[in-house]
N, C-alpha and C. Protein backbone atom coordinates (compact mmCIF):
# COMPACT_ATOMS: atom_id res chain seq x y z
N MET A 1 150.98 121.50 -39.55
CA MET A 1 150.49 121.24 -37.90
C MET A 1 151.60 120.56 -36.90
N ALA A 2 152.22 121.26 -35.95
CA ALA A 2 153.12 120.45 -35.32
C ALA A 2 152.91 119.50 -34.66
N VAL A 3 153.91 118.52 -34.55
CA VAL A 3 153.54 117.09 -33.74
C VAL A 3 154.33 117.14 -32.53
N ILE A 4 153.64 116.94 -31.44
CA ILE A 4 154.28 116.79 -30.14
C ILE A 4 154.07 115.13 -29.57
N LEU A 5 155.60 114.96 -29.02
CA LEU A 5 155.44 113.51 -28.40
C LEU A 5 155.30 113.53 -27.04
N ILE A 6 154.92 113.19 -25.93
CA ILE A 6 154.60 113.24 -25.00
C ILE A 6 154.82 111.90 -24.15
N VAL A 7 156.01 111.74 -23.54
CA VAL A 7 156.51 110.77 -22.72
C VAL A 7 156.16 110.86 -21.48
N GLU A 8 155.14 110.06 -21.16
CA GLU A 8 154.17 110.57 -19.52
C GLU A 8 153.75 109.32 -19.06
N ASP A 9 154.14 108.85 -17.86
CA ASP A 9 153.76 107.33 -17.43
C ASP A 9 152.14 107.75 -16.68
N ASN A 10 151.76 108.87 -16.20
CA ASN A 10 150.62 108.85 -15.45
C ASN A 10 149.57 109.38 -16.23
N LEU A 11 148.47 108.38 -16.65
CA LEU A 11 147.39 108.15 -17.74
C LEU A 11 146.33 109.68 -17.41
N SER A 12 146.32 109.99 -16.30
CA SER A 12 145.77 111.60 -15.98
C SER A 12 146.48 112.40 -16.46
N ASN A 13 147.77 112.52 -16.34
CA ASN A 13 148.69 113.71 -16.81
C ASN A 13 148.80 113.35 -18.50
N MET A 14 148.67 112.51 -18.73
CA MET A 14 148.99 112.30 -20.51
C MET A 14 147.74 112.61 -21.21
N GLU A 15 146.30 112.25 -20.43
CA GLU A 15 145.07 112.66 -21.00
C GLU A 15 144.88 114.16 -21.23
N LEU A 16 145.29 114.79 -19.90
CA LEU A 16 145.09 116.12 -19.74
C LEU A 16 146.22 117.20 -20.65
N ALA A 17 147.46 116.66 -20.75
CA ALA A 17 148.11 116.97 -22.03
C ALA A 17 147.96 117.06 -23.65
N THR A 18 147.28 115.60 -23.87
CA THR A 18 147.00 115.28 -25.10
C THR A 18 145.67 116.38 -25.17
N PHE A 19 144.31 116.72 -24.45
CA PHE A 19 143.54 117.15 -24.65
C PHE A 19 143.88 118.63 -24.79
N LEU A 20 144.41 119.25 -24.16
CA LEU A 20 145.24 120.78 -24.32
C LEU A 20 145.86 120.74 -25.42
N LEU A 21 146.74 120.15 -25.89
CA LEU A 21 147.48 120.07 -27.12
C LEU A 21 146.57 119.88 -28.47
N GLU A 22 145.77 118.90 -28.33
CA GLU A 22 144.68 118.42 -29.46
C GLU A 22 143.72 119.66 -29.91
N SER A 23 143.24 120.25 -28.66
CA SER A 23 142.57 121.40 -28.33
C SER A 23 143.06 122.95 -29.07
N ALA A 24 144.71 122.62 -29.07
CA ALA A 24 145.10 124.05 -29.61
C ALA A 24 145.49 123.85 -31.02
N GLY A 25 145.40 122.74 -31.55
CA GLY A 25 145.81 122.29 -33.03
C GLY A 25 146.99 121.62 -33.12
N TYR A 26 147.45 120.85 -32.26
CA TYR A 26 148.76 120.10 -32.26
C TYR A 26 148.33 118.76 -32.51
N ALA A 27 149.06 117.95 -33.43
CA ALA A 27 149.09 116.70 -33.35
C ALA A 27 149.89 115.87 -32.14
N VAL A 28 149.60 114.69 -31.52
CA VAL A 28 150.03 114.28 -30.52
C VAL A 28 150.50 113.09 -30.58
N LEU A 29 151.73 112.36 -30.01
CA LEU A 29 151.72 111.21 -30.32
C LEU A 29 152.19 110.83 -28.49
N GLY A 30 152.07 109.63 -28.23
CA GLY A 30 152.07 109.39 -26.62
C GLY A 30 153.34 108.01 -26.53
N ALA A 31 153.56 108.32 -25.52
CA ALA A 31 154.45 106.70 -25.06
C ALA A 31 154.40 106.98 -23.43
N THR A 32 154.31 105.90 -22.72
CA THR A 32 154.61 105.80 -21.30
C THR A 32 156.05 105.25 -20.45
N THR A 33 156.54 104.97 -21.47
CA THR A 33 157.70 104.62 -21.05
C THR A 33 159.18 105.41 -21.99
N ALA A 34 159.99 105.58 -21.27
CA ALA A 34 161.31 106.38 -21.75
C ALA A 34 161.57 105.67 -23.25
N GLU A 35 161.96 104.16 -23.15
CA GLU A 35 162.25 103.46 -24.25
C GLU A 35 161.15 103.55 -25.18
N ALA A 36 159.89 103.56 -25.07
CA ALA A 36 158.90 103.80 -26.24
C ALA A 36 159.05 104.88 -26.80
N GLY A 37 159.66 106.13 -25.63
CA GLY A 37 159.56 107.56 -26.33
C GLY A 37 160.90 107.63 -27.13
N LEU A 38 161.58 107.10 -27.13
CA LEU A 38 163.19 107.30 -27.78
C LEU A 38 162.54 106.53 -29.09
N THR A 39 162.10 105.05 -29.12
CA THR A 39 161.85 104.53 -30.31
C THR A 39 160.83 105.47 -31.16
N LEU A 40 159.94 106.17 -30.54
CA LEU A 40 159.03 106.90 -31.29
C LEU A 40 159.63 108.21 -32.10
N ALA A 41 160.33 108.75 -31.14
CA ALA A 41 161.00 109.99 -31.49
C ALA A 41 162.08 109.54 -32.68
N ARG A 42 162.41 108.22 -32.59
CA ARG A 42 163.53 108.37 -33.94
C ARG A 42 162.85 107.90 -35.09
N ALA A 43 161.72 107.21 -34.94
CA ALA A 43 160.51 106.73 -35.89
C ALA A 43 159.97 108.07 -36.67
N GLN A 44 159.27 108.83 -35.87
CA GLN A 44 158.27 109.58 -36.20
C GLN A 44 158.82 111.08 -36.38
N GLN A 45 160.24 111.46 -35.64
CA GLN A 45 160.76 113.14 -35.79
C GLN A 45 159.77 114.29 -35.54
N PRO A 46 159.20 114.21 -34.24
CA PRO A 46 158.36 115.14 -33.88
C PRO A 46 158.95 116.33 -33.92
N ASP A 47 157.92 117.30 -33.68
CA ASP A 47 158.67 118.86 -33.66
C ASP A 47 159.08 119.01 -32.48
N LEU A 48 158.58 118.41 -31.42
CA LEU A 48 158.83 118.68 -29.72
C LEU A 48 158.70 117.42 -29.08
N ILE A 49 159.34 117.24 -27.75
CA ILE A 49 159.12 116.24 -27.10
C ILE A 49 159.19 116.71 -25.46
N LEU A 50 157.46 116.36 -24.84
CA LEU A 50 157.51 116.64 -23.67
C LEU A 50 157.98 115.39 -22.73
N MET A 51 158.94 115.49 -22.03
CA MET A 51 159.29 114.37 -21.16
C MET A 51 159.15 114.67 -19.91
N ASP A 52 158.27 113.62 -19.13
CA ASP A 52 158.21 113.63 -17.73
C ASP A 52 159.52 113.34 -17.07
N ILE A 53 159.84 113.45 -16.31
CA ILE A 53 161.11 113.55 -15.20
C ILE A 53 161.19 111.78 -14.92
N GLN A 54 160.09 111.71 -13.92
CA GLN A 54 159.90 110.26 -13.25
C GLN A 54 159.34 109.31 -14.03
N LEU A 55 160.19 108.83 -14.68
CA LEU A 55 159.41 106.96 -15.50
C LEU A 55 160.10 106.05 -14.92
N PRO A 56 159.27 105.18 -14.86
CA PRO A 56 159.72 103.68 -14.58
C PRO A 56 160.93 103.22 -15.44
N GLY A 57 161.56 102.30 -14.84
CA GLY A 57 162.85 101.82 -15.84
C GLY A 57 163.96 103.32 -15.81
N MET A 58 164.09 103.45 -17.39
CA MET A 58 164.92 104.74 -17.52
C MET A 58 164.17 105.96 -17.42
N ASP A 59 164.92 107.02 -16.25
CA ASP A 59 163.73 108.16 -16.21
C ASP A 59 164.13 109.17 -17.33
N GLY A 60 163.40 110.20 -17.40
CA GLY A 60 163.17 111.01 -18.50
C GLY A 60 164.63 111.95 -18.68
N LEU A 61 165.25 112.00 -17.81
CA LEU A 61 166.40 112.74 -18.12
C LEU A 61 167.48 111.96 -18.64
N GLN A 62 167.77 110.51 -18.44
CA GLN A 62 168.63 109.70 -18.91
C GLN A 62 168.30 109.73 -20.61
N ALA A 63 166.75 109.33 -20.85
CA ALA A 63 166.09 109.57 -21.99
C ALA A 63 166.47 110.85 -23.06
N THR A 64 166.54 111.66 -22.12
CA THR A 64 166.88 113.33 -23.05
C THR A 64 168.31 113.19 -23.33
N MET A 65 169.47 112.50 -22.46
CA MET A 65 170.50 112.62 -22.98
C MET A 65 170.91 111.74 -24.00
N GLN A 66 170.10 110.56 -24.14
CA GLN A 66 169.94 109.74 -25.24
C GLN A 66 169.76 110.41 -26.83
N LEU A 67 168.51 111.22 -26.47
CA LEU A 67 168.21 112.06 -27.70
C LEU A 67 169.25 112.91 -27.98
N LYS A 68 169.92 113.80 -27.22
CA LYS A 68 170.60 114.61 -27.75
C LYS A 68 171.99 113.99 -27.97
N TYR A 69 172.12 112.74 -28.01
CA TYR A 69 173.42 112.50 -27.98
C TYR A 69 173.44 111.63 -29.70
N ASP A 70 171.96 111.49 -30.07
CA ASP A 70 171.74 110.82 -31.36
C ASP A 70 171.36 111.74 -32.38
N ASP A 71 172.18 111.80 -33.38
CA ASP A 71 172.33 112.86 -34.53
C ASP A 71 170.86 112.66 -35.03
N ALA A 72 170.43 111.45 -35.48
CA ALA A 72 168.63 111.36 -35.85
C ALA A 72 167.94 112.39 -34.75
N THR A 73 168.26 112.71 -33.39
CA THR A 73 167.27 113.18 -32.95
C THR A 73 167.49 114.51 -31.86
N SER A 74 168.98 114.54 -31.94
CA SER A 74 169.48 115.48 -31.03
C SER A 74 169.09 117.33 -31.60
N ALA A 75 168.29 117.60 -32.73
CA ALA A 75 167.93 119.00 -32.70
C ALA A 75 166.13 119.08 -32.45
N ILE A 76 165.78 117.77 -32.06
CA ILE A 76 164.48 118.12 -31.24
C ILE A 76 164.47 118.62 -30.20
N PRO A 77 163.91 119.57 -29.76
CA PRO A 77 163.79 120.48 -28.75
C PRO A 77 162.47 119.61 -27.77
N VAL A 78 163.18 119.56 -26.26
CA VAL A 78 163.06 118.49 -25.28
C VAL A 78 162.16 119.81 -23.91
N ILE A 79 161.22 119.45 -23.77
CA ILE A 79 160.65 120.53 -22.55
C ILE A 79 160.33 119.29 -21.50
N ALA A 80 161.25 119.22 -20.35
CA ALA A 80 160.73 118.34 -19.27
C ALA A 80 159.44 118.55 -18.39
N LEU A 81 158.69 117.94 -18.43
CA LEU A 81 157.44 117.97 -17.30
C LEU A 81 157.71 117.14 -16.08
N THR A 82 157.74 118.07 -14.91
CA THR A 82 158.29 117.59 -13.92
C THR A 82 157.23 118.35 -12.70
N ALA A 83 157.16 117.80 -11.67
CA ALA A 83 156.78 117.66 -10.24
C ALA A 83 157.97 118.06 -9.51
N LEU A 84 159.41 118.28 -9.89
CA LEU A 84 160.53 118.46 -9.42
C LEU A 84 160.52 119.81 -9.33
N ALA A 85 160.43 120.86 -8.33
CA ALA A 85 160.91 122.15 -8.31
C ALA A 85 161.56 122.62 -7.42
N MET A 86 162.55 121.68 -6.84
CA MET A 86 163.39 122.11 -5.86
C MET A 86 164.52 122.88 -6.35
N LYS A 87 165.28 123.50 -5.35
CA LYS A 87 166.41 124.06 -5.89
C LYS A 87 167.43 123.23 -6.53
N GLY A 88 168.43 123.87 -7.44
CA GLY A 88 168.80 122.81 -7.91
C GLY A 88 168.38 122.04 -9.43
N ASP A 89 167.14 121.84 -9.01
CA ASP A 89 166.63 120.70 -10.29
C ASP A 89 166.63 121.43 -11.41
N GLU A 90 166.16 122.66 -11.77
CA GLU A 90 166.38 122.94 -13.26
C GLU A 90 167.59 123.24 -13.59
N GLU A 91 168.90 123.38 -13.08
CA GLU A 91 169.89 123.22 -13.58
C GLU A 91 170.73 121.80 -13.95
N ARG A 92 169.97 120.57 -13.02
CA ARG A 92 170.14 119.17 -13.44
C ARG A 92 169.09 118.93 -14.64
N ILE A 93 168.05 119.47 -14.44
CA ILE A 93 167.40 119.17 -15.87
C ILE A 93 168.01 119.67 -17.28
N LEU A 94 168.47 121.14 -17.08
CA LEU A 94 169.09 121.59 -18.27
C LEU A 94 170.36 121.05 -18.55
N ALA A 95 171.00 120.44 -17.48
CA ALA A 95 172.57 119.82 -17.95
C ALA A 95 172.13 118.56 -18.58
N ALA A 96 171.19 117.87 -18.46
CA ALA A 96 170.50 116.63 -18.95
C ALA A 96 170.26 116.85 -20.59
N GLY A 97 170.17 117.92 -20.92
CA GLY A 97 170.03 118.31 -22.31
C GLY A 97 168.51 118.91 -22.61
N CYS A 98 167.77 118.90 -21.58
CA CYS A 98 166.51 119.81 -21.74
C CYS A 98 166.59 121.15 -22.19
N ASP A 99 165.48 121.40 -23.06
CA ASP A 99 165.71 122.98 -23.58
C ASP A 99 165.12 124.02 -22.54
N SER A 100 163.73 123.55 -21.82
CA SER A 100 163.61 124.03 -21.01
C SER A 100 162.39 123.24 -20.04
N TYR A 101 161.91 123.54 -19.03
CA TYR A 101 160.92 122.65 -18.22
C TYR A 101 159.67 123.46 -17.86
N ILE A 102 158.61 122.48 -17.87
CA ILE A 102 157.22 122.76 -17.39
C ILE A 102 157.11 122.23 -15.86
N ALA A 103 156.31 123.17 -14.93
CA ALA A 103 156.22 122.51 -13.71
C ALA A 103 155.00 121.77 -13.36
N LYS A 104 154.62 121.00 -12.79
CA LYS A 104 153.71 120.16 -12.80
C LYS A 104 152.86 120.69 -11.36
N PRO A 105 151.45 120.62 -10.96
CA PRO A 105 150.69 120.29 -12.38
C PRO A 105 150.32 121.42 -13.24
N LEU A 106 149.95 121.09 -14.33
CA LEU A 106 149.88 121.68 -15.61
C LEU A 106 148.90 123.12 -15.33
N ARG A 107 149.20 124.31 -15.80
CA ARG A 107 148.52 125.46 -15.79
C ARG A 107 148.41 125.62 -17.13
N TYR A 108 147.27 125.35 -17.83
CA TYR A 108 147.27 125.44 -19.32
C TYR A 108 147.36 126.62 -19.99
N ARG A 109 147.57 127.94 -19.55
CA ARG A 109 148.01 129.06 -20.25
C ARG A 109 149.18 128.93 -20.56
N GLU A 110 149.88 128.55 -19.31
CA GLU A 110 151.36 128.64 -19.45
C GLU A 110 151.98 127.54 -20.02
N PHE A 111 151.32 126.50 -19.83
CA PHE A 111 151.58 125.46 -20.70
C PHE A 111 151.62 125.66 -22.17
N LEU A 112 150.61 126.08 -22.79
CA LEU A 112 150.66 126.31 -24.03
C LEU A 112 151.28 127.48 -24.52
N ALA A 113 151.45 128.50 -23.86
CA ALA A 113 152.67 129.54 -23.99
C ALA A 113 153.95 129.00 -24.32
N SER A 114 154.38 127.91 -23.38
CA SER A 114 155.85 127.32 -23.43
C SER A 114 155.89 126.59 -24.66
N ILE A 115 155.06 125.85 -24.93
CA ILE A 115 155.09 125.03 -26.07
C ILE A 115 154.90 125.72 -27.20
N ALA A 116 154.16 126.81 -27.49
CA ALA A 116 154.26 127.65 -28.61
C ALA A 116 155.60 128.53 -28.73
N GLU A 117 155.96 128.82 -27.80
CA GLU A 117 157.34 129.73 -27.74
C GLU A 117 158.67 128.75 -28.01
N ARG A 118 158.45 127.62 -27.48
CA ARG A 118 159.52 126.77 -28.10
C ARG A 118 159.59 126.34 -29.67
N LEU A 119 158.51 126.15 -30.22
CA LEU A 119 158.27 125.82 -31.17
C LEU A 119 158.53 126.85 -32.66
N ALA A 120 158.04 128.24 -31.99
CA ALA A 120 158.79 129.24 -32.36
C ALA A 120 160.18 129.34 -32.79
N ARG A 121 161.06 128.95 -31.89
CA ARG A 121 162.18 129.25 -31.83
C ARG A 121 163.08 127.88 -32.38
N SER A 122 162.19 126.86 -32.88
CA SER A 122 162.92 125.64 -33.41
C SER A 122 162.46 125.76 -34.85
């Protein structure tokens, strides 16, 4: 069973993503700050990380850069979860090291298909 870490500060978004992932058979870890997400990623070595971009304190792009520069976590795929869908945002998200992104609000079929596709590649 694949383990997915969700780094998300919005409780409703965290609950929805957790429900969808657990219903699809994944094990889920959760963190509400980038710092807690970094700690969990290093300790638990999840198969995939879903990273909210707009987090309090350190944002999700800074956290992703730290994950990608750390030999212990650099191979873990990171999918950005973002409400930012403006021109140029995709380039900025990918440049920070995210492997792909999923726009909010989540559409459950597309969400689960993106997760399965990314896990199949790694």
